[in-house]
Amino acid sequence: MSGLAPQHISAAAYLIGQVLDERRRFGHPIPSWLRDLHEAFSRAVSANGHQTCQTGSTPSRLETTAEQAQRLGVSERTIRRRAAREGVNRTAGRYLFERHDA
C-alpha cells in the first residue's frame, strides 16, 4: 500500500471497519475477502504508528432478545414488550440491544 498517503490508508481502514460494524449490526454475513481487506488496512495503519481499530470488540456489544432476557432473568416476551413500549426498532426482523455492563 505504499502508493497511498498515510491519511488515505487511515480513512480506508476506518470506512472498512464501519462497513464491518454495519454488517454485524444488521446480521448480514461478512465475506472473508472483506475481513482480509480490513486486516490488511489495519496492519498498514498500525505500521504508520496508529492504533489498530478492533471492530466488533467495542466496550458495548449487541445482544439478542434471548441473551438480554437470560441476563435480566425475565422472559423473552417481557423483553419484546418493553422494547415495543420504549420504541426500540427491529433490525432484520429482530430486536438487538446494546449491552451496557455495570
Protein backbone atom coordinates (compact mmCIF):
# COMPACT_ATOMS: atom_id res chain seq x y z
CA MET A 1 0.00 0.00 0.00
CA SER A 2 2.99 2.22 -0.49
CA GLY A 3 1.18 4.21 -3.20
CA LEU A 4 -1.31 5.66 -0.73
CA ALA A 5 -0.73 8.52 1.68
CA PRO A 6 -0.99 7.60 5.39
CA GLN A 7 -4.16 9.65 5.84
CA HIS A 8 -5.80 7.79 2.94
CA ILE A 9 -4.85 4.43 4.44
CA SER A 10 -6.32 5.52 7.79
CA ALA A 11 -9.51 6.71 6.11
CA ALA A 12 -9.89 3.46 4.16
CA ALA A 13 -9.31 1.35 7.30
CA TYR A 14 -11.93 3.39 9.13
CA LEU A 15 -14.51 3.04 6.34
CA ILE A 16 -13.94 -0.70 6.01
CA GLY A 17 -14.38 -1.01 9.78
CA GLN A 18 -17.66 0.92 9.53
CA VAL A 19 -18.92 -1.47 6.83
CA LEU A 20 -18.00 -4.46 9.02
CA ASP A 21 -19.79 -2.95 12.03
CA GLU A 22 -22.89 -2.25 9.95
CA ARG A 23 -22.98 -5.78 8.55
CA ARG A 24 -22.66 -7.19 12.09
CA ARG A 25 -25.36 -4.87 13.41
CA PHE A 26 -27.84 -5.91 10.73
CA GLY A 27 -26.94 -9.59 10.92
CA HIS A 28 -25.53 -9.75 7.39
CA PRO A 29 -22.74 -12.22 6.61
CA ILE A 30 -19.22 -10.84 6.33
CA PRO A 31 -17.30 -12.19 3.32
CA SER A 32 -13.80 -13.44 4.05
CA TRP A 33 -12.33 -11.06 1.46
CA LEU A 34 -13.75 -8.11 3.42
CA ARG A 35 -12.19 -9.38 6.66
CA ASP A 36 -8.87 -9.87 4.84
CA LEU A 37 -9.08 -6.35 3.40
CA HIS A 38 -9.75 -4.90 6.86
CA GLU A 39 -6.82 -6.82 8.35
CA ALA A 40 -4.50 -5.59 5.58
CA PHE A 41 -5.51 -1.96 6.05
CA SER A 42 -5.33 -2.29 9.83
CA ARG A 43 -1.79 -3.64 9.57
CA ALA A 44 -0.86 -0.75 7.29
CA VAL A 45 -2.37 1.77 9.69
CA SER A 46 -0.56 0.15 12.60
CA ALA A 47 2.70 0.30 10.64
CA ASN A 48 2.15 4.06 10.27
CA GLY A 49 2.07 4.47 14.03
CA HIS A 50 -1.69 4.42 14.55
CA GLN A 51 -3.54 2.08 16.83
CA THR A 52 -5.34 -0.78 15.16
CA CYS A 53 -9.10 -0.46 15.43
CA GLN A 54 -10.66 -3.69 16.65
CA THR A 55 -14.15 -3.73 15.15
CA GLY A 56 -16.55 -5.94 16.98
CA SER A 57 -14.73 -5.62 20.29
CA THR A 58 -16.21 -2.32 21.35
CA PRO A 59 -16.93 -1.72 25.04
CA SER A 60 -20.63 -2.35 24.46
CA ARG A 61 -21.81 -5.25 22.34
CA LEU A 62 -25.12 -6.13 20.78
CA GLU A 63 -27.23 -8.82 22.34
CA THR A 64 -30.38 -10.59 21.23
CA THR A 65 -33.73 -10.75 22.96
CA ALA A 66 -32.87 -14.19 24.35
CA GLU A 67 -29.49 -13.05 25.69
CA GLN A 68 -30.97 -9.98 27.35
CA ALA A 69 -33.83 -11.99 28.85
CA GLN A 70 -31.42 -14.52 30.31
CA ARG A 71 -29.14 -11.81 31.70
CA LEU A 72 -32.05 -9.91 33.30
CA GLY A 73 -33.89 -13.03 34.47
CA VAL A 74 -37.13 -12.31 32.61
CA SER A 75 -38.91 -13.91 29.67
CA GLU A 76 -38.18 -13.07 26.05
CA ARG A 77 -41.77 -11.90 25.73
CA THR A 78 -41.20 -9.36 28.50
CA ILE A 79 -38.14 -8.04 26.68
CA ARG A 80 -40.10 -7.73 23.42
CA ARG A 81 -42.97 -5.92 25.18
CA ARG A 82 -40.56 -3.49 26.84
CA ALA A 83 -38.76 -2.91 23.55
CA ALA A 84 -42.02 -2.13 21.74
CA ARG A 85 -43.15 0.17 24.57
CA GLU A 86 -39.82 2.05 24.55
CA GLY A 87 -39.77 2.40 20.76
CA VAL A 88 -36.78 0.15 20.05
CA ASN A 89 -36.55 -0.53 16.31
CA ARG A 90 -36.28 -4.01 14.89
CA THR A 91 -33.26 -4.82 12.76
CA ALA A 92 -33.54 -7.62 10.20
CA GLY A 93 -36.77 -8.73 11.88
CA ARG A 94 -35.40 -8.89 15.42
CA TYR A 95 -34.57 -6.66 18.32
CA LEU A 96 -30.91 -6.00 19.02
CA PHE A 97 -29.85 -4.26 22.21
CA GLU A 98 -26.58 -2.68 23.22
CA ARG A 99 -25.26 -4.29 26.34
CA HIS A 100 -24.06 -1.80 28.93
CA ASP A 101 -22.09 -3.60 31.61
CA ALA A 102 -22.15 -2.04 35.03
